[in-house]
Amino acid sequence: MKKSLYIAAKDLRSEFRTKQMLNSMLIFSLIVIVIFSISFGDVLSQTELVGKLAPGVLWVAFTFAGTLGLSRSFAGEMENGCLEGLKLSPIDRSSIYIGKTISNAVLMFIVELLTIPIFIVLFNYNISGIPGLALVIFLGTFGFVSVGTLLSALSASTRAREIMLPVLLLPLIIPVIIPAVMATGTILADGGIGSISSELRLLVVYDLVFFVVGQLVFEYTVMD
């Protein structure tokens, strides 16, 4: 785990110097929020309707911004030959996967943390149940990043990686997006954590399965 944290710290330091991926993800997420706020301008005064729209709007922004970030996760490593250096280093290949997953998750959490206040302002909506919402976003994001990091490594060596990643990723994240959206809607409707127990179980199982599978098969995705 310590080696994985070193890799995650290396990626985050590199990203915070340039902020290329972070800025792209944040701008993309804000564009989605702004477009939806303009499209639904006539219903923003109706709190009940905004509450029904909120889960879909938030997760559309999170999903597409995250996909944009994941598409660049291994691109820099491939361009600079850093991935070859990581493979030659005396660490287990799964440590690379875990480190990349941690760094991608941190970037997504930052984008989500900045997106939600913008959503509150543009949609004039007061979000309740913050602890429950934070738990749902954490579990949903971790599941999304777990499978996305693996597929990003798989598609990094292809010429059309920007197209290949969404094609591979979107069908696989349906099992995490559906319970995440449903749980978010319940929480925003003043539901407690107890009312989303079934969705939370689905998210936890999905996260564990894909995180373990990712560690097991990552070695073969970066094999020469």
Protein backbone atom coordinates (compact mmCIF):
# COMPACT_ATOMS: atom_id res chain seq x y z
CA MET A 1 0.00 0.00 0.00
CA LYS A 2 2.90 2.34 0.76
CA LYS A 3 4.23 1.96 -2.80
CA SER A 4 0.78 2.64 -4.17
CA LEU A 5 0.61 5.87 -2.18
CA TYR A 6 3.97 6.91 -3.64
CA ILE A 7 2.61 6.42 -7.16
CA ALA A 8 -0.58 8.32 -6.31
CA ALA A 9 1.45 11.17 -4.78
CA LYS A 10 3.64 11.30 -7.88
CA ASP A 11 0.62 11.59 -10.16
CA LEU A 12 -1.07 14.21 -7.99
CA ARG A 13 2.09 16.34 -7.73
CA SER A 14 2.47 16.22 -11.50
CA GLU A 15 -1.19 17.14 -12.02
CA PHE A 16 -1.22 19.98 -9.49
CA ARG A 17 1.79 21.54 -11.25
CA THR A 18 0.03 21.77 -14.60
CA LYS A 19 -3.65 21.31 -13.64
CA GLN A 20 -4.36 20.29 -17.23
CA MET A 21 -6.57 17.31 -16.47
CA LEU A 22 -8.18 18.90 -13.41
CA ASN A 23 -9.08 22.10 -15.25
CA SER A 24 -10.46 20.14 -18.21
CA MET A 25 -12.63 17.98 -15.95
CA LEU A 26 -13.89 20.96 -13.96
CA ILE A 27 -14.69 23.07 -17.03
CA PHE A 28 -16.49 20.15 -18.69
CA SER A 29 -18.52 19.49 -15.54
CA LEU A 30 -19.47 23.17 -15.20
CA ILE A 31 -20.47 23.36 -18.86
CA VAL A 32 -22.86 20.43 -18.33
CA ILE A 33 -24.37 22.12 -15.26
CA VAL A 34 -24.76 25.46 -17.07
CA ILE A 35 -26.38 23.84 -20.12
CA PHE A 36 -28.88 21.98 -17.95
CA SER A 37 -29.65 25.10 -15.93
CA ILE A 38 -30.42 27.00 -19.14
CA SER A 39 -32.48 24.13 -20.55
CA PHE A 40 -34.57 23.80 -17.38
CA GLY A 41 -34.80 27.53 -16.73
CA ASP A 42 -38.63 27.47 -16.68
CA VAL A 43 -38.83 24.87 -13.91
CA LEU A 44 -36.07 26.06 -11.59
CA SER A 45 -38.63 27.82 -9.42
CA GLN A 46 -40.34 24.50 -8.71
CA THR A 47 -38.32 22.86 -5.97
CA GLU A 48 -39.99 19.47 -6.37
CA LEU A 49 -39.12 19.24 -10.07
CA VAL A 50 -35.55 20.40 -9.46
CA GLY A 51 -35.23 17.68 -6.82
CA LYS A 52 -36.19 15.08 -9.42
CA LEU A 53 -33.77 16.49 -11.98
CA ALA A 54 -30.85 16.94 -9.58
CA PRO A 55 -29.61 13.31 -9.38
CA GLY A 56 -29.47 12.91 -13.15
CA VAL A 57 -27.83 16.29 -13.74
CA LEU A 58 -25.16 15.71 -11.09
CA TRP A 59 -24.25 12.20 -12.22
CA VAL A 60 -24.19 13.16 -15.91
CA ALA A 61 -21.70 15.88 -15.01
CA PHE A 62 -19.65 13.54 -12.80
CA THR A 63 -19.64 10.70 -15.33
CA PHE A 64 -18.59 12.65 -18.39
CA ALA A 65 -16.04 14.77 -16.53
CA GLY A 66 -14.60 11.58 -15.01
CA THR A 67 -14.41 9.89 -18.39
CA LEU A 68 -12.52 12.87 -19.75
CA GLY A 69 -10.05 12.65 -16.88
CA LEU A 70 -9.60 8.89 -17.13
CA SER A 71 -8.82 9.14 -20.83
CA ARG A 72 -5.71 11.12 -19.88
CA SER A 73 -4.75 8.97 -16.90
CA PHE A 74 -2.24 6.82 -18.77
CA ALA A 75 -1.68 9.07 -21.79
CA GLY A 76 1.14 10.99 -20.13
CA GLU A 77 2.76 7.78 -18.96
CA MET A 78 2.74 6.40 -22.50
CA GLU A 79 4.06 9.59 -24.07
CA ASN A 80 6.97 10.00 -21.66
CA GLY A 81 7.84 6.33 -21.29
CA CYS A 82 7.03 6.53 -17.59
CA LEU A 83 4.86 3.42 -17.73
CA GLU A 84 7.83 1.33 -18.84
CA GLY A 85 9.80 2.68 -15.90
CA LEU A 86 6.99 1.77 -13.52
CA LYS A 87 6.84 -1.75 -14.95
CA LEU A 88 10.59 -2.16 -14.53
CA SER A 89 10.55 -0.94 -10.93
CA PRO A 90 10.62 -3.63 -8.18
CA ILE A 91 6.94 -3.33 -7.26
CA ASP A 92 3.91 -5.44 -7.91
CA ARG A 93 1.84 -4.40 -10.93
CA SER A 94 -1.24 -4.17 -8.74
CA SER A 95 0.45 -1.35 -6.81
CA ILE A 96 0.45 0.71 -10.00
CA TYR A 97 -3.26 0.08 -10.41
CA ILE A 98 -4.05 1.02 -6.80
CA GLY A 99 -1.93 4.17 -6.99
CA LYS A 100 -3.58 5.25 -10.23
CA THR A 101 -7.02 4.53 -8.79
CA ILE A 102 -6.31 6.65 -5.73
CA SER A 103 -5.02 9.61 -7.75
CA ASN A 104 -7.95 9.45 -10.19
CA ALA A 105 -10.42 9.25 -7.31
CA VAL A 106 -8.88 12.27 -5.58
CA LEU A 107 -9.16 14.35 -8.75
CA MET A 108 -12.78 13.31 -9.21
CA PHE A 109 -13.61 14.15 -5.60
CA ILE A 110 -12.12 17.62 -6.09
CA VAL A 111 -14.20 18.18 -9.22
CA GLU A 112 -17.35 16.94 -7.49
CA LEU A 113 -16.68 19.13 -4.46
CA LEU A 114 -16.47 22.18 -6.71
CA THR A 115 -19.38 21.17 -8.95
CA ILE A 116 -22.02 20.73 -6.25
CA PRO A 117 -21.89 24.38 -4.98
CA ILE A 118 -22.19 25.60 -8.58
CA PHE A 119 -25.22 23.35 -9.02
CA ILE A 120 -26.79 24.74 -5.82
CA VAL A 121 -26.34 28.32 -7.05
CA LEU A 122 -27.48 27.83 -10.66
CA PHE A 123 -30.47 25.64 -9.78
CA ASN A 124 -31.37 27.63 -6.65
CA TYR A 125 -31.65 24.35 -4.77
CA ASN A 126 -30.87 23.57 -1.14
CA ILE A 127 -29.32 20.12 -0.76
CA SER A 128 -30.17 18.32 2.46
CA GLY A 129 -28.74 15.08 3.83
CA ILE A 130 -25.11 16.01 3.15
CA PRO A 131 -23.59 12.99 5.01
CA GLY A 132 -25.74 10.51 3.10
CA LEU A 133 -25.07 12.28 -0.20
CA ALA A 134 -21.32 12.27 0.50
CA LEU A 135 -21.43 8.52 1.17
CA VAL A 136 -23.30 7.81 -2.07
CA ILE A 137 -20.95 10.00 -4.10
CA PHE A 138 -17.91 8.35 -2.50
CA LEU A 139 -19.10 4.82 -3.25
CA GLY A 140 -20.32 5.69 -6.74
CA THR A 141 -17.13 7.53 -7.63
CA PHE A 142 -14.88 4.79 -6.28
CA GLY A 143 -16.69 2.16 -8.34
CA PHE A 144 -16.53 4.36 -11.43
CA VAL A 145 -12.80 5.01 -10.98
CA SER A 146 -11.99 1.36 -10.17
CA VAL A 147 -13.24 0.09 -13.50
CA GLY A 148 -12.29 3.27 -15.37
CA THR A 149 -8.63 3.08 -14.35
CA LEU A 150 -8.39 -0.50 -15.57
CA LEU A 151 -10.00 0.31 -18.91
CA SER A 152 -7.88 3.44 -19.27
CA ALA A 153 -4.75 1.28 -19.04
CA LEU A 154 -6.27 -1.17 -21.52
CA SER A 155 -7.06 1.49 -24.11
CA ALA A 156 -3.97 3.66 -23.56
CA SER A 157 -1.89 1.84 -26.17
CA THR A 158 -4.55 2.16 -28.87
CA ARG A 159 -4.60 5.03 -31.35
CA ALA A 160 -8.26 5.81 -30.75
CA ARG A 161 -8.08 5.70 -26.95
CA GLU A 162 -10.33 8.78 -26.57
CA ILE A 163 -13.08 6.88 -28.40
CA MET A 164 -12.29 3.40 -27.12
CA LEU A 165 -12.48 4.26 -23.42
CA PRO A 166 -16.09 5.57 -23.39
CA VAL A 167 -17.22 2.66 -25.56
CA LEU A 168 -15.77 0.15 -23.08
CA LEU A 169 -16.53 2.10 -19.92
CA LEU A 170 -20.14 3.23 -20.21
CA PRO A 171 -21.73 -0.26 -20.40
CA LEU A 172 -19.71 -1.44 -17.39
CA ILE A 173 -20.61 1.47 -15.14
CA ILE A 174 -24.36 1.07 -15.58
CA PRO A 175 -24.55 -1.16 -12.44
CA VAL A 176 -22.97 1.63 -10.39
CA ILE A 177 -24.70 4.62 -12.02
CA ILE A 178 -28.25 3.27 -11.56
CA PRO A 179 -28.06 2.71 -7.76
CA ALA A 180 -26.02 5.92 -7.35
CA VAL A 181 -28.67 8.01 -9.12
CA MET A 182 -31.52 6.30 -7.24
CA ALA A 183 -29.79 6.74 -3.89
CA THR A 184 -28.98 10.38 -4.65
CA GLY A 185 -32.62 11.04 -5.52
CA THR A 186 -33.80 9.45 -2.28
CA ILE A 187 -31.32 11.43 -0.19
CA LEU A 188 -32.26 14.71 -1.87
CA ALA A 189 -35.92 13.94 -1.17
CA ASP A 190 -35.11 14.08 2.57
CA GLY A 191 -34.62 10.34 2.85
CA GLY A 192 -32.25 8.94 5.44
CA ILE A 193 -29.38 6.56 4.94
CA GLY A 194 -31.60 3.71 6.13
CA SER A 195 -33.90 4.23 3.14
CA ILE A 196 -31.08 3.59 0.65
CA SER A 197 -29.64 0.46 2.26
CA SER A 198 -30.26 -1.71 -0.82
CA GLU A 199 -28.56 0.80 -3.14
CA LEU A 200 -25.61 1.11 -0.77
CA ARG A 201 -25.19 -2.67 -0.71
CA LEU A 202 -25.13 -2.75 -4.51
CA LEU A 203 -22.53 0.01 -4.62
CA VAL A 204 -20.32 -1.68 -2.01
CA VAL A 205 -20.46 -5.03 -3.82
CA TYR A 206 -19.70 -3.41 -7.16
CA ASP A 207 -16.78 -1.46 -5.70
CA LEU A 208 -15.25 -4.51 -4.04
CA VAL A 209 -15.67 -6.79 -7.06
CA PHE A 210 -14.16 -4.41 -9.61
CA PHE A 211 -11.40 -3.21 -7.30
CA VAL A 212 -10.28 -6.80 -6.69
CA VAL A 213 -10.69 -7.77 -10.35
CA GLY A 214 -8.74 -4.69 -11.38
CA GLN A 215 -5.79 -5.70 -9.21
CA LEU A 216 -5.85 -9.25 -10.56
CA VAL A 217 -5.97 -8.43 -14.26
CA PHE A 218 -4.07 -5.13 -14.38
CA GLU A 219 -0.79 -6.98 -15.00
CA TYR A 220 -2.17 -8.39 -18.25
CA THR A 221 -3.55 -5.02 -19.46
CA VAL A 222 -0.09 -3.43 -19.40
CA MET A 223 1.75 -6.48 -20.67
CA ASP A 224 4.02 -5.88 -23.70
